[in-house]
């Protein structure tokens, strides 16, 4: 599997396809395996799936997690692949990294796609979910892995792939990723986001209330996928992939 060296970390990634590049940023501990079905987008685009440090197959020392640091890892992968500009797609807490990348490196960003995205954690329910996640990482990581993997798919093969990949996560960095996500905010910088932005939410996802924050500060396109909560990339992957394809072809072909 290909890898790039960034500082003292060997970042593993998968890439396939040709065309407009899309790099996918995963949530805490899940790694690139959560984008199992987005590999099909390689029919139309170049897709890139990295494991950020502390996740999946990426190898390196335990270190302090920062959202800026993860954005710089994404940039390192693009540099390694000699990709000048890419669409940055972030899922769940991976979306705050996507936003930080776009705000920090606008010259490297074609557009931003957020699935279940938020500029900061605003609702009490979402805050509690983060705190609960941090508690389970510390005390019952095996149970949390199973719950997350099972909630994403009914396909036993994909569920097993996600679960086995999550077992590779560094628990300290997993905890810190949740913590940084809980305390991150780019709301006051959203007006600086000048590239096309697509927001994708499940109709049953309480995170979709964060769309109000975006409406106040930035223009965007939105897609609400019916019959699913937070796990649109895996549970409604056909429609999710269609929405991504339409957005990218509309703006960058």
Protein backbone atom coordinates (compact mmCIF):
# COMPACT_ATOMS: atom_id res chain seq x y z
CA UNK A 1 0.00 0.00 0.00
CA UNK A 2 1.37 3.45 -0.89
CA UNK A 3 2.48 5.83 1.83
CA UNK A 4 4.04 9.24 2.29
CA UNK A 5 6.36 10.42 5.03
CA UNK A 6 5.27 13.47 6.98
CA UNK A 7 7.55 14.51 9.83
CA UNK A 8 7.98 11.26 11.79
CA UNK A 9 4.82 9.57 10.54
CA UNK A 10 4.27 7.20 7.62
CA UNK A 11 0.82 8.06 6.29
CA UNK A 12 -0.81 5.22 4.38
CA UNK A 13 -3.42 5.94 1.74
CA UNK A 14 -5.26 4.40 -1.17
CA UNK A 15 -5.81 6.16 -4.47
CA UNK A 16 -7.50 5.10 -7.66
CA UNK A 17 -9.11 6.55 -10.75
CA UNK A 18 -8.39 9.62 -12.85
CA UNK A 19 -9.87 13.06 -13.19
CA UNK A 20 -10.84 15.68 -10.62
CA UNK A 21 -9.16 14.65 -7.34
CA UNK A 22 -11.28 14.14 -4.22
CA UNK A 23 -9.59 13.42 -0.89
CA UNK A 24 -11.72 11.83 1.82
CA UNK A 25 -11.26 12.63 5.51
CA UNK A 26 -12.53 10.12 8.04
CA UNK A 27 -13.98 10.56 11.57
CA UNK A 28 -12.11 9.49 14.72
CA UNK A 29 -10.77 5.91 14.68
CA UNK A 30 -12.68 4.80 11.58
CA UNK A 31 -9.91 5.38 9.08
CA UNK A 32 -10.30 5.08 5.34
CA UNK A 33 -12.45 1.93 5.55
CA UNK A 34 -15.54 4.00 6.29
CA UNK A 35 -15.38 5.13 2.65
CA UNK A 36 -15.65 1.57 1.33
CA UNK A 37 -18.42 2.46 -1.13
CA UNK A 38 -16.87 5.73 -2.26
CA UNK A 39 -14.16 3.74 -4.03
CA UNK A 40 -16.78 3.37 -6.78
CA UNK A 41 -16.36 7.07 -7.51
CA UNK A 42 -13.04 6.18 -9.13
CA UNK A 43 -15.09 5.54 -12.25
CA UNK A 44 -15.35 9.31 -12.63
CA UNK A 45 -12.65 10.91 -10.46
CA UNK A 46 -9.32 10.38 -8.76
CA UNK A 47 -10.20 9.39 -5.21
CA UNK A 48 -7.72 9.47 -2.32
CA UNK A 49 -8.33 7.81 1.05
CA UNK A 50 -5.68 8.48 3.74
CA UNK A 51 -5.47 7.12 7.27
CA UNK A 52 -4.64 10.12 9.44
CA UNK A 53 -2.02 9.65 12.16
CA UNK A 54 -3.22 7.48 15.03
CA UNK A 55 -5.66 5.73 12.70
CA UNK A 56 -5.68 2.61 10.57
CA UNK A 57 -2.46 1.53 8.91
CA UNK A 58 -0.61 4.81 9.36
CA UNK A 59 2.54 4.32 11.46
CA UNK A 60 4.12 6.86 13.77
CA UNK A 61 4.64 7.89 17.36
CA UNK A 62 1.79 8.90 19.62
CA UNK A 63 1.45 12.66 19.45
CA UNK A 64 -0.87 15.50 20.37
CA UNK A 65 -3.80 15.74 18.01
CA UNK A 66 -4.69 19.12 16.53
CA UNK A 67 -7.13 19.89 13.74
CA UNK A 68 -4.51 22.10 12.06
CA UNK A 69 -2.04 19.23 12.29
CA UNK A 70 -4.44 16.87 10.57
CA UNK A 71 -5.08 19.48 7.86
CA UNK A 72 -1.34 19.62 7.28
CA UNK A 73 -1.26 15.82 6.96
CA UNK A 74 -3.90 16.06 4.24
CA UNK A 75 -1.74 18.66 2.49
CA UNK A 76 1.27 16.34 2.79
CA UNK A 77 -0.61 13.55 1.01
CA UNK A 78 -1.63 15.92 -1.78
CA UNK A 79 1.97 17.17 -2.07
CA UNK A 80 3.21 13.59 -2.25
CA UNK A 81 0.74 12.79 -5.05
CA UNK A 82 1.61 16.08 -6.80
CA UNK A 83 -2.03 17.16 -6.69
CA UNK A 84 -2.20 20.94 -6.93
CA UNK A 85 -5.87 21.29 -5.95
CA UNK A 86 -8.50 18.86 -4.72
CA UNK A 87 -12.07 18.64 -3.57
CA UNK A 88 -11.92 18.04 0.20
CA UNK A 89 -14.63 15.71 1.49
CA UNK A 90 -15.01 15.27 5.24
CA UNK A 91 -17.40 12.94 7.02
CA UNK A 92 -18.69 13.81 10.50
CA UNK A 93 -15.74 15.12 12.57
CA UNK A 94 -13.59 14.66 9.48
CA UNK A 95 -15.50 17.66 8.21
CA UNK A 96 -13.84 20.04 10.65
CA UNK A 97 -10.50 18.99 9.17
CA UNK A 98 -11.89 19.59 5.68
CA UNK A 99 -13.00 23.08 6.71
CA UNK A 100 -9.71 23.86 8.41
CA UNK A 101 -7.84 22.72 5.30
CA UNK A 102 -9.96 24.91 3.03
CA UNK A 103 -9.53 27.94 5.30
CA UNK A 104 -5.79 27.39 5.82
CA UNK A 105 -4.92 26.35 2.26
CA UNK A 106 -7.48 27.99 -0.04
CA UNK A 107 -5.00 27.84 -2.93
CA UNK A 108 -5.08 24.02 -2.69
CA UNK A 109 -8.86 23.68 -2.42
CA UNK A 110 -11.25 23.23 -5.35
CA UNK A 111 -14.33 22.75 -3.20
CA UNK A 112 -15.58 21.33 0.08
CA UNK A 113 -18.10 18.55 0.68
CA UNK A 114 -19.28 17.90 4.24
CA UNK A 115 -21.33 14.85 5.19
CA UNK A 116 -22.91 15.41 8.58
CA UNK A 117 -20.77 18.50 8.89
CA UNK A 118 -20.68 21.29 11.47
CA UNK A 119 -18.55 24.42 12.01
CA UNK A 120 -18.69 23.86 15.76
CA UNK A 121 -20.57 21.64 18.18
CA UNK A 122 -23.63 23.69 19.12
CA UNK A 123 -26.40 21.40 20.36
CA UNK A 124 -26.39 19.88 23.83
CA UNK A 125 -27.17 16.48 22.34
CA UNK A 126 -24.12 16.62 20.10
CA UNK A 127 -21.91 17.81 22.97
CA UNK A 128 -23.11 14.89 25.06
CA UNK A 129 -22.42 12.46 22.22
CA UNK A 130 -18.79 13.65 22.09
CA UNK A 131 -18.38 13.40 25.86
CA UNK A 132 -19.94 9.94 25.86
CA UNK A 133 -17.62 8.89 23.05
CA UNK A 134 -14.60 10.06 25.02
CA UNK A 135 -15.79 8.12 28.07
CA UNK A 136 -16.19 4.91 26.08
CA UNK A 137 -12.79 5.32 24.37
CA UNK A 138 -11.21 5.41 27.83
CA UNK A 139 -13.21 2.64 29.47
CA UNK A 140 -14.93 0.45 26.85
CA UNK A 141 -13.19 0.94 23.47
CA UNK A 142 -14.12 -2.53 22.22
CA UNK A 143 -17.81 -1.88 22.80
CA UNK A 144 -17.59 1.54 21.10
CA UNK A 145 -15.86 0.03 18.07
CA UNK A 146 -18.62 -2.53 17.71
CA UNK A 147 -21.42 0.04 18.08
CA UNK A 148 -19.87 2.37 15.49
CA UNK A 149 -19.15 -0.39 12.96
CA UNK A 150 -22.59 -1.98 13.39
CA UNK A 151 -24.36 1.38 13.04
CA UNK A 152 -22.73 2.03 9.67
CA UNK A 153 -23.73 -1.02 7.68
CA UNK A 154 -25.72 -4.24 7.65
CA UNK A 155 -23.20 -5.85 5.27
CA UNK A 156 -21.17 -8.28 7.42
CA UNK A 157 -18.04 -7.97 5.25
CA UNK A 158 -17.97 -4.17 5.34
CA UNK A 159 -18.80 -4.18 9.05
CA UNK A 160 -15.91 -6.55 9.74
CA UNK A 161 -13.52 -4.43 7.62
CA UNK A 162 -14.45 -1.30 9.56
CA UNK A 163 -14.26 -3.06 12.91
CA UNK A 164 -10.83 -4.61 12.23
CA UNK A 165 -9.52 -1.27 10.96
CA UNK A 166 -10.77 0.52 14.07
CA UNK A 167 -8.81 -1.91 16.25
CA UNK A 168 -5.63 -0.32 14.90
CA UNK A 169 -6.48 3.14 16.25
CA UNK A 170 -4.33 4.67 18.98
CA UNK A 171 -6.71 5.13 21.92
CA UNK A 172 -5.09 8.31 23.22
CA UNK A 173 -5.26 9.98 19.81
CA UNK A 174 -8.81 8.70 19.30
CA UNK A 175 -9.80 10.38 22.57
CA UNK A 176 -8.02 13.60 21.59
CA UNK A 177 -9.68 13.65 18.15
CA UNK A 178 -13.08 13.65 19.90
CA UNK A 179 -11.89 16.33 22.31
CA UNK A 180 -10.55 18.60 19.56
CA UNK A 181 -13.77 18.11 17.60
CA UNK A 182 -15.83 19.09 20.65
CA UNK A 183 -13.90 22.34 21.17
CA UNK A 184 -13.25 23.34 17.54
CA UNK A 185 -14.95 26.31 15.91
CA UNK A 186 -14.52 27.93 12.52
CA UNK A 187 -17.89 29.70 12.56
CA UNK A 188 -16.34 33.16 12.63
CA UNK A 189 -14.22 32.28 9.57
CA UNK A 190 -16.90 30.72 7.40
CA UNK A 191 -17.35 33.96 5.46
CA UNK A 192 -13.76 33.47 4.23
CA UNK A 193 -14.72 30.20 2.52
CA UNK A 194 -14.86 31.19 -1.12
CA UNK A 195 -14.98 27.80 -2.87
CA UNK A 196 -18.14 25.81 -3.71
CA UNK A 197 -19.55 24.09 -0.62
CA UNK A 198 -21.89 21.09 -0.51
CA UNK A 199 -23.60 19.99 2.71
CA UNK A 200 -25.02 16.46 2.86
CA UNK A 201 -27.20 15.35 5.77
CA UNK A 202 -29.46 12.45 6.58
CA UNK A 203 -33.04 13.49 7.20
CA UNK A 204 -32.97 11.72 10.59
CA UNK A 205 -29.65 13.21 11.71
CA UNK A 206 -29.89 15.74 14.55
CA UNK A 207 -26.58 17.18 13.33
CA UNK A 208 -28.45 18.68 10.37
CA UNK A 209 -29.62 21.52 12.62
CA UNK A 210 -26.10 22.94 12.21
CA UNK A 211 -27.11 23.94 8.68
CA UNK A 212 -28.45 27.14 10.27
CA UNK A 213 -24.91 28.23 11.13
CA UNK A 214 -23.79 27.87 7.53
CA UNK A 215 -26.83 29.76 6.28
CA UNK A 216 -25.80 32.81 8.32
CA UNK A 217 -22.27 33.06 6.95
CA UNK A 218 -21.72 31.31 3.62
CA UNK A 219 -23.49 30.23 0.46
CA UNK A 220 -23.79 26.51 -0.19
CA UNK A 221 -25.69 23.72 -1.85
CA UNK A 222 -27.42 21.17 0.33
CA UNK A 223 -28.73 17.64 -0.07
CA UNK A 224 -30.93 15.98 2.53
CA UNK A 225 -30.98 12.21 2.08
CA UNK A 226 -34.19 10.64 3.31
CA UNK A 227 -34.40 7.55 5.48
CA UNK A 228 -30.98 7.75 7.09
CA UNK A 229 -29.38 9.35 10.11
CA UNK A 230 -25.67 10.24 10.24
CA UNK A 231 -24.27 7.33 8.23
CA UNK A 232 -25.16 8.47 4.69
CA UNK A 233 -21.81 7.45 3.06
CA UNK A 234 -22.39 3.80 3.98
CA UNK A 235 -26.13 3.33 4.48
CA UNK A 236 -27.29 5.38 1.48
CA UNK A 237 -24.11 5.17 -0.54
CA UNK A 238 -25.75 5.01 -3.97
CA UNK A 239 -27.55 8.32 -3.50
CA UNK A 240 -24.59 9.80 -1.62
CA UNK A 241 -22.26 8.99 -4.53
CA UNK A 242 -24.76 10.43 -7.02
CA UNK A 243 -24.93 13.70 -5.09
CA UNK A 244 -21.13 13.95 -4.90
CA UNK A 245 -20.78 13.15 -8.60
CA UNK A 246 -23.33 15.77 -9.60
CA UNK A 247 -21.70 18.47 -7.46
CA UNK A 248 -18.16 17.80 -8.69
CA UNK A 249 -19.20 17.57 -12.34
CA UNK A 250 -21.26 20.74 -12.05
CA UNK A 251 -18.42 22.83 -10.66
CA UNK A 252 -15.16 21.28 -11.83
CA UNK A 253 -15.62 19.48 -15.14
